[in-house]
Amino acid sequence: METIIDFRSFDPAYMTGLIFSIFEGLNQGESFRLITRENPNHIKSQFEQAKLDIFEWDVKKTAGDAWEVRIVKT
C-alpha cells in the first residue's frame, strides 16, 4: 500500500523538510505520493543538490491546481 500525503494545506516553508523525512524513512523499493499546489520541480532540485541519486521521480499535473508526485527510493 502506498502512502498519499496532501501537502496543499501545509505551510510551504515546512514541506521540503517533511518530504525529506518521509523519504529517509522509506526502505529500498518503497514509495509515497505527494499532492501539492506548488510546482514540485524545486523539491526535485533539492533532492539532486543533496546528492540523493537513489530516487525515482514521476510528476504529473492533475485536474485543477494540483500536482501529484510519486517518489520511489531505489
N, C-alpha and C. Protein backbone atom coordinates (compact mmCIF):
# COMPACT_ATOMS: atom_id res chain seq x y z
N MET A 1 0.84 -1.18 0.00
CA MET A 1 0.00 0.00 0.00
C MET A 1 0.89 1.24 0.00
N GLU A 2 0.59 2.17 -0.86
CA GLU A 2 1.38 3.38 -0.99
C GLU A 2 0.71 4.53 -0.23
N THR A 3 1.51 5.29 0.50
CA THR A 3 1.01 6.43 1.26
C THR A 3 0.85 7.62 0.34
N ILE A 4 -0.26 8.34 0.49
CA ILE A 4 -0.50 9.57 -0.25
C ILE A 4 -0.64 10.69 0.78
N ILE A 5 0.15 11.75 0.60
CA ILE A 5 0.13 12.87 1.53
C ILE A 5 -0.24 14.13 0.76
N ASP A 6 -1.30 14.78 1.22
CA ASP A 6 -1.78 16.00 0.59
C ASP A 6 -1.14 17.20 1.29
N PHE A 7 -0.19 17.83 0.63
CA PHE A 7 0.54 18.95 1.20
C PHE A 7 -0.11 20.30 0.90
N ARG A 8 -1.27 20.31 0.27
CA ARG A 8 -1.89 21.58 -0.10
C ARG A 8 -2.24 22.45 1.10
N SER A 9 -2.43 21.86 2.26
CA SER A 9 -2.76 22.66 3.44
C SER A 9 -1.53 22.93 4.32
N PHE A 10 -0.36 22.46 3.94
CA PHE A 10 0.87 22.66 4.70
C PHE A 10 1.50 24.01 4.36
N ASP A 11 2.19 24.58 5.31
CA ASP A 11 2.98 25.77 5.06
C ASP A 11 4.15 25.36 4.17
N PRO A 12 4.32 25.98 3.00
CA PRO A 12 5.40 25.59 2.09
C PRO A 12 6.79 25.63 2.72
N ALA A 13 6.98 26.44 3.74
CA ALA A 13 8.28 26.53 4.39
C ALA A 13 8.68 25.23 5.06
N TYR A 14 7.72 24.40 5.42
CA TYR A 14 7.99 23.14 6.11
C TYR A 14 7.90 21.92 5.20
N MET A 15 7.40 22.11 4.01
CA MET A 15 7.10 20.99 3.14
C MET A 15 8.34 20.17 2.75
N THR A 16 9.41 20.83 2.35
CA THR A 16 10.59 20.10 1.89
C THR A 16 11.19 19.26 3.01
N GLY A 17 11.28 19.80 4.21
CA GLY A 17 11.81 19.04 5.34
C GLY A 17 10.98 17.81 5.64
N LEU A 18 9.67 17.95 5.56
CA LEU A 18 8.79 16.81 5.79
C LEU A 18 8.97 15.75 4.70
N ILE A 19 9.09 16.19 3.48
CA ILE A 19 9.28 15.25 2.37
C ILE A 19 10.59 14.49 2.53
N PHE A 20 11.66 15.19 2.89
CA PHE A 20 12.95 14.53 3.11
C PHE A 20 12.84 13.52 4.25
N SER A 21 12.14 13.88 5.31
CA SER A 21 11.98 12.96 6.45
C SER A 21 11.22 11.71 6.04
N ILE A 22 10.17 11.88 5.30
CA ILE A 22 9.38 10.73 4.83
C ILE A 22 10.25 9.85 3.94
N PHE A 23 10.99 10.47 3.02
CA PHE A 23 11.85 9.72 2.11
C PHE A 23 12.90 8.92 2.87
N GLU A 24 13.52 9.53 3.86
CA GLU A 24 14.55 8.85 4.65
C GLU A 24 13.99 7.63 5.37
N GLY A 25 12.71 7.65 5.72
CA GLY A 25 12.08 6.53 6.42
C GLY A 25 11.68 5.38 5.52
N LEU A 26 11.81 5.58 4.20
CA LEU A 26 11.44 4.51 3.27
C LEU A 26 12.53 3.45 3.19
N ASN A 27 12.12 2.23 2.97
CA ASN A 27 13.05 1.16 2.62
C ASN A 27 13.23 1.16 1.11
N GLN A 28 14.28 0.55 0.64
CA GLN A 28 14.53 0.45 -0.79
C GLN A 28 13.33 -0.17 -1.48
N GLY A 29 12.87 0.45 -2.56
CA GLY A 29 11.74 -0.04 -3.33
C GLY A 29 10.40 0.52 -2.88
N GLU A 30 10.36 1.16 -1.71
CA GLU A 30 9.11 1.75 -1.23
C GLU A 30 8.93 3.15 -1.82
N SER A 31 7.68 3.60 -1.81
CA SER A 31 7.38 4.90 -2.40
C SER A 31 6.25 5.59 -1.64
N PHE A 32 6.08 6.84 -1.95
CA PHE A 32 4.93 7.59 -1.47
C PHE A 32 4.55 8.60 -2.54
N ARG A 33 3.34 9.10 -2.43
CA ARG A 33 2.86 10.13 -3.35
C ARG A 33 2.57 11.38 -2.55
N LEU A 34 2.89 12.51 -3.16
CA LEU A 34 2.54 13.77 -2.53
C LEU A 34 1.70 14.59 -3.50
N ILE A 35 0.81 15.36 -2.94
CA ILE A 35 -0.03 16.25 -3.71
C ILE A 35 0.25 17.66 -3.21
N THR A 36 0.47 18.58 -4.14
CA THR A 36 0.80 19.95 -3.78
C THR A 36 0.23 20.92 -4.80
N ARG A 37 0.05 22.16 -4.39
CA ARG A 37 -0.37 23.21 -5.31
C ARG A 37 0.83 23.82 -6.03
N GLU A 38 1.98 23.74 -5.38
CA GLU A 38 3.21 24.32 -5.92
C GLU A 38 3.83 23.38 -6.96
N ASN A 39 4.43 23.95 -7.99
CA ASN A 39 5.18 23.14 -8.93
C ASN A 39 6.30 22.47 -8.15
N PRO A 40 6.39 21.14 -8.18
CA PRO A 40 7.35 20.42 -7.33
C PRO A 40 8.78 20.37 -7.86
N ASN A 41 9.07 21.06 -8.95
CA ASN A 41 10.43 20.99 -9.51
C ASN A 41 11.49 21.47 -8.52
N HIS A 42 11.16 22.44 -7.66
CA HIS A 42 12.16 22.91 -6.70
C HIS A 42 12.50 21.83 -5.67
N ILE A 43 11.53 20.97 -5.37
CA ILE A 43 11.80 19.87 -4.43
C ILE A 43 12.74 18.86 -5.08
N LYS A 44 12.48 18.55 -6.34
CA LYS A 44 13.36 17.62 -7.06
C LYS A 44 14.78 18.19 -7.11
N SER A 45 14.91 19.49 -7.34
CA SER A 45 16.23 20.12 -7.37
C SER A 45 16.94 19.97 -6.03
N GLN A 46 16.20 20.07 -4.95
CA GLN A 46 16.80 19.92 -3.63
C GLN A 46 17.26 18.48 -3.39
N PHE A 47 16.51 17.51 -3.90
CA PHE A 47 16.94 16.11 -3.83
C PHE A 47 18.25 15.95 -4.59
N GLU A 48 18.33 16.54 -5.77
CA GLU A 48 19.54 16.42 -6.59
C GLU A 48 20.72 17.13 -5.94
N GLN A 49 20.49 18.31 -5.35
CA GLN A 49 21.56 19.05 -4.68
C GLN A 49 22.08 18.30 -3.47
N ALA A 50 21.19 17.55 -2.81
CA ALA A 50 21.60 16.76 -1.64
C ALA A 50 22.26 15.45 -2.05
N LYS A 51 22.45 15.28 -3.35
CA LYS A 51 23.10 14.07 -3.89
C LYS A 51 22.30 12.81 -3.57
N LEU A 52 20.98 12.96 -3.51
CA LEU A 52 20.11 11.80 -3.29
C LEU A 52 19.78 11.21 -4.66
N ASP A 53 20.73 10.49 -5.19
CA ASP A 53 20.52 9.90 -6.52
C ASP A 53 19.94 8.49 -6.42
N ILE A 54 19.29 8.23 -5.31
CA ILE A 54 18.68 6.91 -5.10
C ILE A 54 17.16 7.04 -5.11
N PHE A 55 16.65 7.83 -6.05
CA PHE A 55 15.21 8.01 -6.11
C PHE A 55 14.74 8.06 -7.55
N GLU A 56 13.47 7.71 -7.72
CA GLU A 56 12.77 7.90 -8.99
C GLU A 56 11.70 8.95 -8.74
N TRP A 57 11.43 9.76 -9.72
CA TRP A 57 10.54 10.91 -9.59
C TRP A 57 9.56 10.89 -10.75
N ASP A 58 8.29 10.77 -10.47
CA ASP A 58 7.26 10.78 -11.51
C ASP A 58 6.24 11.85 -11.14
N VAL A 59 6.17 12.90 -11.94
CA VAL A 59 5.30 14.03 -11.62
C VAL A 59 4.25 14.20 -12.72
N LYS A 60 3.05 14.60 -12.30
CA LYS A 60 2.01 14.92 -13.28
C LYS A 60 1.11 16.01 -12.72
N LYS A 61 0.61 16.81 -13.62
CA LYS A 61 -0.35 17.86 -13.26
C LYS A 61 -1.71 17.20 -13.23
N THR A 62 -2.45 17.42 -12.16
CA THR A 62 -3.77 16.83 -12.04
C THR A 62 -4.82 17.89 -12.35
N ALA A 63 -6.07 17.50 -12.28
CA ALA A 63 -7.15 18.43 -12.54
C ALA A 63 -7.09 19.58 -11.54
N GLY A 64 -7.42 20.74 -11.99
CA GLY A 64 -7.39 21.89 -11.09
C GLY A 64 -5.99 22.43 -10.93
N ASP A 65 -5.65 22.80 -9.72
CA ASP A 65 -4.37 23.45 -9.46
C ASP A 65 -3.36 22.56 -8.77
N ALA A 66 -3.53 21.27 -8.83
CA ALA A 66 -2.68 20.36 -8.06
C ALA A 66 -1.65 19.65 -8.93
N TRP A 67 -0.57 19.26 -8.27
CA TRP A 67 0.48 18.41 -8.84
C TRP A 67 0.56 17.15 -7.99
N GLU A 68 0.80 16.02 -8.63
CA GLU A 68 0.99 14.77 -7.91
C GLU A 68 2.36 14.23 -8.27
N VAL A 69 3.12 13.85 -7.23
CA VAL A 69 4.47 13.31 -7.43
C VAL A 69 4.56 11.96 -6.74
N ARG A 70 5.07 10.99 -7.45
CA ARG A 70 5.38 9.68 -6.85
C ARG A 70 6.89 9.61 -6.72
N ILE A 71 7.35 9.40 -5.49
CA ILE A 71 8.78 9.33 -5.21
C ILE A 71 9.09 7.91 -4.71
N VAL A 72 10.04 7.26 -5.38
CA VAL A 72 10.43 5.89 -5.05
C VAL A 72 11.88 5.91 -4.58
N LYS A 73 12.15 5.23 -3.47
CA LYS A 73 13.53 5.07 -3.02
C LYS A 73 14.09 3.84 -3.71
N THR A 74 15.11 4.05 -4.54
CA THR A 74 15.66 2.95 -5.34
C THR A 74 16.92 2.39 -4.72
